[in-house]
Amino acid sequence: MEINAFLKNFADILDDTDAALITQETVFRDLDEWNSLTALSLIAMADEEYDVKLTGDDIKSSNSLQDIFEIIKNKA
């Protein structure tokens, strides 16, 4: 699993955010598009792409996309 593929998958669930702005340091909660629906899309993406059950607590305990990536990688 590579961070760049994860970042692309994350950018794909966003409609209005330029993919070039999505980096591993991105604080996803600071994105204008971040809301509960986006969180559900992230959970679905983790399940579909990585066969990982990401939880709300996993998201709450994370700040950056790197944090989310590490959780997914450790659960895979």
PDB file of N, CA and C in Angstrom:
ATOM      1  N   MET A   1       0.848  -1.173   0.000  1.00  0.00           N
ATOM      2  CA  MET A   1       0.000   0.000   0.000  1.00  0.00           C
ATOM      3  C   MET A   1       0.894   1.237   0.000  1.00  0.00           C
ATOM      4  N   GLU A   2       0.575   2.146  -0.901  1.00  0.00           N
ATOM      5  CA  GLU A   2       1.381   3.361  -1.018  1.00  0.00           C
ATOM      6  C   GLU A   2       0.541   4.592  -0.687  1.00  0.00           C
ATOM      7  N   ILE A   3       1.194   5.565  -0.072  1.00  0.00           N
ATOM      8  CA  ILE A   3       0.515   6.794   0.337  1.00  0.00           C
ATOM      9  C   ILE A   3      -0.049   7.544  -0.867  1.00  0.00           C
ATOM     10  N   ASN A   4       0.655   7.538  -1.992  1.00  0.00           N
ATOM     11  CA  ASN A   4       0.178   8.292  -3.160  1.00  0.00           C
ATOM     12  C   ASN A   4      -1.130   7.724  -3.702  1.00  0.00           C
ATOM     13  N   ALA A   5      -1.266   6.403  -3.693  1.00  0.00           N
ATOM     14  CA  ALA A   5      -2.512   5.779  -4.144  1.00  0.00           C
ATOM     15  C   ALA A   5      -3.639   6.123  -3.173  1.00  0.00           C
ATOM     16  N   PHE A   6      -3.344   6.116  -1.879  1.00  0.00           N
ATOM     17  CA  PHE A   6      -4.343   6.483  -0.880  1.00  0.00           C
ATOM     18  C   PHE A   6      -4.784   7.934  -1.068  1.00  0.00           C
ATOM     19  N   LEU A   7      -3.838   8.831  -1.289  1.00  0.00           N
ATOM     20  CA  LEU A   7      -4.175  10.249  -1.481  1.00  0.00           C
ATOM     21  C   LEU A   7      -5.046  10.445  -2.714  1.00  0.00           C
ATOM     22  N   LYS A   8      -4.757   9.697  -3.784  1.00  0.00           N
ATOM     23  CA  LYS A   8      -5.588   9.781  -4.985  1.00  0.00           C
ATOM     24  C   LYS A   8      -6.997   9.279  -4.678  1.00  0.00           C
ATOM     25  N   ASN A   9      -7.097   8.161  -3.970  1.00  0.00           N
ATOM     26  CA  ASN A   9      -8.413   7.630  -3.610  1.00  0.00           C
ATOM     27  C   ASN A   9      -9.189   8.622  -2.745  1.00  0.00           C
ATOM     28  N   PHE A  10      -8.497   9.284  -1.816  1.00  0.00           N
ATOM     29  CA  PHE A  10      -9.155  10.284  -0.979  1.00  0.00           C
ATOM     30  C   PHE A  10      -9.622  11.460  -1.833  1.00  0.00           C
ATOM     31  N   ALA A  11      -8.768  11.931  -2.721  1.00  0.00           N
ATOM     32  CA  ALA A  11      -9.130  13.060  -3.587  1.00  0.00           C
ATOM     33  C   ALA A  11     -10.331  12.715  -4.457  1.00  0.00           C
ATOM     34  N   ASP A  12     -10.457  11.445  -4.831  1.00  0.00           N
ATOM     35  CA  ASP A  12     -11.575  11.025  -5.677  1.00  0.00           C
ATOM     36  C   ASP A  12     -12.920  11.128  -4.968  1.00  0.00           C
ATOM     37  N   ILE A  13     -12.936  11.091  -3.641  1.00  0.00           N
ATOM     38  CA  ILE A  13     -14.224  11.199  -2.937  1.00  0.00           C
ATOM     39  C   ILE A  13     -14.646  12.651  -2.732  1.00  0.00           C
ATOM     40  N   LEU A  14     -13.762  13.572  -3.070  1.00  0.00           N
ATOM     41  CA  LEU A  14     -14.061  15.002  -2.950  1.00  0.00           C
ATOM     42  C   LEU A  14     -14.527  15.543  -4.294  1.00  0.00           C
ATOM     43  N   ASP A  15     -15.513  16.410  -4.258  1.00  0.00           N
ATOM     44  CA  ASP A  15     -16.047  16.968  -5.501  1.00  0.00           C
ATOM     45  C   ASP A  15     -15.405  18.291  -5.892  1.00  0.00           C
ATOM     46  N   ASP A  16     -15.162  19.156  -4.916  1.00  0.00           N
ATOM     47  CA  ASP A  16     -14.772  20.531  -5.218  1.00  0.00           C
ATOM     48  C   ASP A  16     -13.333  20.885  -4.859  1.00  0.00           C
ATOM     49  N   THR A  17     -12.614  19.982  -4.215  1.00  0.00           N
ATOM     50  CA  THR A  17     -11.253  20.275  -3.780  1.00  0.00           C
ATOM     51  C   THR A  17     -10.260  19.801  -4.833  1.00  0.00           C
ATOM     52  N   ASP A  18      -9.341  20.676  -5.204  1.00  0.00           N
ATOM     53  CA  ASP A  18      -8.304  20.345  -6.175  1.00  0.00           C
ATOM     54  C   ASP A  18      -7.425  19.232  -5.611  1.00  0.00           C
ATOM     55  N   ALA A  19      -7.262  18.166  -6.374  1.00  0.00           N
ATOM     56  CA  ALA A  19      -6.469  17.021  -5.930  1.00  0.00           C
ATOM     57  C   ALA A  19      -5.024  17.412  -5.615  1.00  0.00           C
ATOM     58  N   ALA A  20      -4.534  18.472  -6.250  1.00  0.00           N
ATOM     59  CA  ALA A  20      -3.160  18.922  -5.998  1.00  0.00           C
ATOM     60  C   ALA A  20      -2.990  19.442  -4.568  1.00  0.00           C
ATOM     61  N   LEU A  21      -4.088  19.801  -3.926  1.00  0.00           N
ATOM     62  CA  LEU A  21      -4.029  20.309  -2.548  1.00  0.00           C
ATOM     63  C   LEU A  21      -4.024  19.194  -1.513  1.00  0.00           C
ATOM     64  N   ILE A  22      -4.238  17.957  -1.947  1.00  0.00           N
ATOM     65  CA  ILE A  22      -4.322  16.829  -1.036  1.00  0.00           C
ATOM     66  C   ILE A  22      -2.931  16.215  -0.877  1.00  0.00           C
ATOM     67  N   THR A  23      -2.382  16.341   0.327  1.00  0.00           N
ATOM     68  CA  THR A  23      -1.072  15.768   0.641  1.00  0.00           C
ATOM     69  C   THR A  23      -1.194  14.963   1.923  1.00  0.00           C
ATOM     70  N   GLN A  24      -0.140  14.270   2.278  1.00  0.00           N
ATOM     71  CA  GLN A  24      -0.198  13.481   3.508  1.00  0.00           C
ATOM     72  C   GLN A  24      -0.285  14.368   4.740  1.00  0.00           C
ATOM     73  N   GLU A  25       0.118  15.623   4.633  1.00  0.00           N
ATOM     74  CA  GLU A  25       0.029  16.547   5.766  1.00  0.00           C
ATOM     75  C   GLU A  25      -1.323  17.255   5.854  1.00  0.00           C
ATOM     76  N   THR A  26      -2.181  17.050   4.861  1.00  0.00           N
ATOM     77  CA  THR A  26      -3.481  17.714   4.847  1.00  0.00           C
ATOM     78  C   THR A  26      -4.276  17.372   6.103  1.00  0.00           C
ATOM     79  N   VAL A  27      -4.751  18.404   6.786  1.00  0.00           N
ATOM     80  CA  VAL A  27      -5.657  18.216   7.927  1.00  0.00           C
ATOM     81  C   VAL A  27      -7.055  18.159   7.319  1.00  0.00           C
ATOM     82  N   PHE A  28      -7.562  16.940   7.189  1.00  0.00           N
ATOM     83  CA  PHE A  28      -8.791  16.739   6.419  1.00  0.00           C
ATOM     84  C   PHE A  28      -9.984  17.498   6.993  1.00  0.00           C
ATOM     85  N   ARG A  29     -10.025  17.705   8.292  1.00  0.00           N
ATOM     86  CA  ARG A  29     -11.142  18.443   8.895  1.00  0.00           C
ATOM     87  C   ARG A  29     -11.155  19.914   8.475  1.00  0.00           C
ATOM     88  N   ASP A  30     -10.024  20.428   8.019  1.00  0.00           N
ATOM     89  CA  ASP A  30      -9.941  21.822   7.580  1.00  0.00           C
ATOM     90  C   ASP A  30     -10.445  22.028   6.147  1.00  0.00           C
ATOM     91  N   LEU A  31     -10.701  20.932   5.437  1.00  0.00           N
ATOM     92  CA  LEU A  31     -11.195  21.046   4.072  1.00  0.00           C
ATOM     93  C   LEU A  31     -12.639  21.541   4.097  1.00  0.00           C
ATOM     94  N   ASP A  32     -12.964  22.464   3.200  1.00  0.00           N
ATOM     95  CA  ASP A  32     -14.326  22.998   3.128  1.00  0.00           C
ATOM     96  C   ASP A  32     -15.358  21.896   2.906  1.00  0.00           C
ATOM     97  N   GLU A  33     -14.967  20.863   2.183  1.00  0.00           N
ATOM     98  CA  GLU A  33     -15.890  19.778   1.861  1.00  0.00           C
ATOM     99  C   GLU A  33     -16.072  18.771   2.999  1.00  0.00           C
ATOM    100  N   TRP A  34     -15.252  18.822   4.027  1.00  0.00           N
ATOM    101  CA  TRP A  34     -15.314  17.800   5.066  1.00  0.00           C
ATOM    102  C   TRP A  34     -16.622  17.909   5.847  1.00  0.00           C
ATOM    103  N   ASN A  35     -17.351  16.810   5.875  1.00  0.00           N
ATOM    104  CA  ASN A  35     -18.588  16.716   6.646  1.00  0.00           C
ATOM    105  C   ASN A  35     -18.856  15.246   6.933  1.00  0.00           C
ATOM    106  N   SER A  36     -19.983  14.947   7.539  1.00  0.00           N
ATOM    107  CA  SER A  36     -20.273  13.564   7.908  1.00  0.00           C
ATOM    108  C   SER A  36     -20.405  12.662   6.683  1.00  0.00           C
ATOM    109  N   LEU A  37     -20.916  13.191   5.584  1.00  0.00           N
ATOM    110  CA  LEU A  37     -21.033  12.392   4.369  1.00  0.00           C
ATOM    111  C   LEU A  37     -19.653  12.042   3.806  1.00  0.00           C
ATOM    112  N   THR A  38     -18.734  12.986   3.859  1.00  0.00           N
ATOM    113  CA  THR A  38     -17.369  12.730   3.408  1.00  0.00           C
ATOM    114  C   THR A  38     -16.705  11.691   4.302  1.00  0.00           C
ATOM    115  N   ALA A  39     -16.963  11.759   5.603  1.00  0.00           N
ATOM    116  CA  ALA A  39     -16.422  10.760   6.530  1.00  0.00           C
ATOM    117  C   ALA A  39     -16.945   9.372   6.173  1.00  0.00           C
ATOM    118  N   LEU A  40     -18.240   9.272   5.872  1.00  0.00           N
ATOM    119  CA  LEU A  40     -18.799   7.982   5.463  1.00  0.00           C
ATOM    120  C   LEU A  40     -18.181   7.499   4.152  1.00  0.00           C
ATOM    121  N   SER A  41     -17.926   8.418   3.251  1.00  0.00           N
ATOM    122  CA  SER A  41     -17.272   8.059   1.990  1.00  0.00           C
ATOM    123  C   SER A  41     -15.861   7.553   2.239  1.00  0.00           C
ATOM    124  N   LEU A  42     -15.163   8.142   3.188  1.00  0.00           N
ATOM    125  CA  LEU A  42     -13.816   7.689   3.546  1.00  0.00           C
ATOM    126  C   LEU A  42     -13.868   6.274   4.119  1.00  0.00           C
ATOM    127  N   ILE A  43     -14.850   6.015   4.985  1.00  0.00           N
ATOM    128  CA  ILE A  43     -15.017   4.681   5.563  1.00  0.00           C
ATOM    129  C   ILE A  43     -15.305   3.663   4.456  1.00  0.00           C
ATOM    130  N   ALA A  44     -16.174   4.030   3.519  1.00  0.00           N
ATOM    131  CA  ALA A  44     -16.510   3.145   2.402  1.00  0.00           C
ATOM    132  C   ALA A  44     -15.294   2.899   1.507  1.00  0.00           C
ATOM    133  N   MET A  45     -14.514   3.955   1.250  1.00  0.00           N
ATOM    134  CA  MET A  45     -13.319   3.808   0.419  1.00  0.00           C
ATOM    135  C   MET A  45     -12.315   2.867   1.072  1.00  0.00           C
ATOM    136  N   ALA A  46     -12.118   2.994   2.385  1.00  0.00           N
ATOM    137  CA  ALA A  46     -11.179   2.110   3.094  1.00  0.00           C
ATOM    138  C   ALA A  46     -11.637   0.661   2.981  1.00  0.00           C
ATOM    139  N   ASP A  47     -12.941   0.445   3.067  1.00  0.00           N
ATOM    140  CA  ASP A  47     -13.491  -0.909   2.963  1.00  0.00           C
ATOM    141  C   ASP A  47     -13.331  -1.457   1.549  1.00  0.00           C
ATOM    142  N   GLU A  48     -13.692  -0.665   0.546  1.00  0.00           N
ATOM    143  CA  GLU A  48     -13.643  -1.123  -0.841  1.00  0.00           C
ATOM    144  C   GLU A  48     -12.226  -1.309  -1.358  1.00  0.00           C
ATOM    145  N   GLU A  49     -11.373  -0.328  -1.116  1.00  0.00           N
ATOM    146  CA  GLU A  49     -10.026  -0.343  -1.693  1.00  0.00           C
ATOM    147  C   GLU A  49      -9.030  -1.188  -0.899  1.00  0.00           C
ATOM    148  N   TYR A  50      -9.198  -1.223   0.426  1.00  0.00           N
ATOM    149  CA  TYR A  50      -8.184  -1.857   1.272  1.00  0.00           C
ATOM    150  C   TYR A  50      -8.734  -2.975   2.151  1.00  0.00           C
ATOM    151  N   ASP A  51     -10.056  -3.224   2.062  1.00  0.00           N
ATOM    152  CA  ASP A  51     -10.709  -4.251   2.875  1.00  0.00           C
ATOM    153  C   ASP A  51     -10.440  -4.027   4.366  1.00  0.00           C
ATOM    154  N   VAL A  52     -10.531  -2.762   4.778  1.00  0.00           N
ATOM    155  CA  VAL A  52     -10.274  -2.353   6.156  1.00  0.00           C
ATOM    156  C   VAL A  52     -11.524  -1.685   6.704  1.00  0.00           C
ATOM    157  N   LYS A  53     -11.891  -2.055   7.916  1.00  0.00           N
ATOM    158  CA  LYS A  53     -13.036  -1.440   8.598  1.00  0.00           C
ATOM    159  C   LYS A  53     -12.547  -0.239   9.399  1.00  0.00           C
ATOM    160  N   LEU A  54     -12.638   0.921   8.803  1.00  0.00           N
ATOM    161  CA  LEU A  54     -12.278   2.177   9.460  1.00  0.00           C
ATOM    162  C   LEU A  54     -13.469   2.618  10.300  1.00  0.00           C
ATOM    163  N   THR A  55     -13.225   3.052  11.524  1.00  0.00           N
ATOM    164  CA  THR A  55     -14.320   3.442  12.413  1.00  0.00           C
ATOM    165  C   THR A  55     -14.355   4.957  12.609  1.00  0.00           C
ATOM    166  N   GLY A  56     -15.464   5.415  13.158  1.00  0.00           N
ATOM    167  CA  GLY A  56     -15.574   6.826  13.510  1.00  0.00           C
ATOM    168  C   GLY A  56     -14.515   7.228  14.511  1.00  0.00           C
ATOM    169  N   ASP A  57     -14.214   6.343  15.451  1.00  0.00           N
ATOM    170  CA  ASP A  57     -13.164   6.638  16.434  1.00  0.00           C
ATOM    171  C   ASP A  57     -11.800   6.763  15.776  1.00  0.00           C
ATOM    172  N   ASP A  58     -11.548   5.948  14.735  1.00  0.00           N
ATOM    173  CA  ASP A  58     -10.287   6.066  13.995  1.00  0.00           C
ATOM    174  C   ASP A  58     -10.166   7.458  13.390  1.00  0.00           C
ATOM    175  N   ILE A  59     -11.260   7.931  12.821  1.00  0.00           N
ATOM    176  CA  ILE A  59     -11.254   9.256  12.191  1.00  0.00           C
ATOM    177  C   ILE A  59     -11.117  10.343  13.248  1.00  0.00           C
ATOM    178  N   LYS A  60     -11.857  10.213  14.345  1.00  0.00           N
ATOM    179  CA  LYS A  60     -11.794  11.217  15.414  1.00  0.00           C
ATOM    180  C   LYS A  60     -10.400  11.342  16.005  1.00  0.00           C
ATOM    181  N   SER A  61      -9.666  10.231  16.062  1.00  0.00           N
ATOM    182  CA  SER A  61      -8.338  10.255  16.678  1.00  0.00           C
ATOM    183  C   SER A  61      -7.254  10.720  15.706  1.00  0.00           C
ATOM    184  N   SER A  62      -7.632  11.013  14.472  1.00  0.00           N
ATOM    185  CA  SER A  62      -6.669  11.413  13.443  1.00  0.00           C
ATOM    186  C   SER A  62      -6.764  12.900  13.150  1.00  0.00           C
ATOM    187  N   ASN A  63      -5.634  13.452  12.740  1.00  0.00           N
ATOM    188  CA  ASN A  63      -5.598  14.848  12.331  1.00  0.00           C
ATOM    189  C   ASN A  63      -5.301  15.008  10.848  1.00  0.00           C
ATOM    190  N   SER A  64      -4.351  14.239  10.373  1.00  0.00           N
ATOM    191  CA  SER A  64      -3.915  14.383   8.988  1.00  0.00           C
ATOM    192  C   SER A  64      -4.259  13.130   8.182  1.00  0.00           C
ATOM    193  N   LEU A  65      -4.133  13.244   6.889  1.00  0.00           N
ATOM    194  CA  LEU A  65      -4.342  12.085   6.036  1.00  0.00           C
ATOM    195  C   LEU A  65      -3.267  11.030   6.288  1.00  0.00           C
ATOM    196  N   GLN A  66      -2.083  11.452   6.694  1.00  0.00           N
ATOM    197  CA  GLN A  66      -1.039  10.492   7.054  1.00  0.00           C
ATOM    198  C   GLN A  66      -1.514   9.627   8.223  1.00  0.00           C
ATOM    199  N   ASP A  67      -2.181  10.224   9.199  1.00  0.00           N
ATOM    200  CA  ASP A  67      -2.711   9.465  10.337  1.00  0.00           C
ATOM    201  C   ASP A  67      -3.705   8.408   9.872  1.00  0.00           C
ATOM    202  N   ILE A  68      -4.622   8.798   8.994  1.00  0.00           N
ATOM    203  CA  ILE A  68      -5.617   7.860   8.469  1.00  0.00           C
ATOM    204  C   ILE A  68      -4.923   6.747   7.690  1.00  0.00           C
ATOM    205  N   PHE A  69      -3.956   7.118   6.866  1.00  0.00           N
ATOM    206  CA  PHE A  69      -3.210   6.133   6.082  1.00  0.00           C
ATOM    207  C   PHE A  69      -2.540   5.117   6.999  1.00  0.00           C
ATOM    208  N   GLU A  70      -1.903   5.573   8.066  1.00  0.00           N
ATOM    209  CA  GLU A  70      -1.223   4.665   9.001  1.00  0.00           C
ATOM    210  C   GLU A  70      -2.212   3.708   9.667  1.00  0.00           C
ATOM    211  N   ILE A  71      -3.395   4.202  10.036  1.00  0.00           N
ATOM    212  CA  ILE A  71      -4.415   3.330  10.627  1.00  0.00           C
ATOM    213  C   ILE A  71      -4.832   2.263   9.640  1.00  0.00           C
ATOM    214  N   ILE A  72      -5.100   2.664   8.403  1.00  0.00           N
ATOM    215  CA  ILE A  72      -5.511   1.694   7.378  1.00  0.00           C
ATOM    216  C   ILE A  72      -4.400   0.683   7.139  1.00  0.00           C
ATOM    217  N   LYS A  73      -3.169   1.167   7.025  1.00  0.00           N
ATOM    218  CA  LYS A  73      -2.026   0.277   6.771  1.00  0.00           C
ATOM    219  C   LYS A  73      -1.858  -0.718   7.903  1.00  0.00           C
ATOM    220  N   ASN A  74      -2.034  -0.278   9.142  1.00  0.00           N
ATOM    221  CA  ASN A  74      -1.873  -1.171  10.300  1.00  0.00           C
ATOM    222  C   ASN A  74      -3.006  -2.188  10.423  1.00  0.00           C
ATOM    223  N   LYS A  75      -4.172  -1.843   9.910  1.00  0.00           N
ATOM    224  CA  LYS A  75      -5.309  -2.774   9.961  1.00  0.00           C
ATOM    225  C   LYS A  75      -5.333  -3.748   8.781  1.00  0.00           C
ATOM    226  N   ALA A  76      -4.619  -3.402   7.709  1.00  0.00           N
ATOM    227  CA  ALA A  76      -4.656  -4.231   6.497  1.00  0.00           C
ATOM    228  C   ALA A  76      -3.905  -5.533   6.689  1.00  0.00           C
TER     229      ALA A  76
END
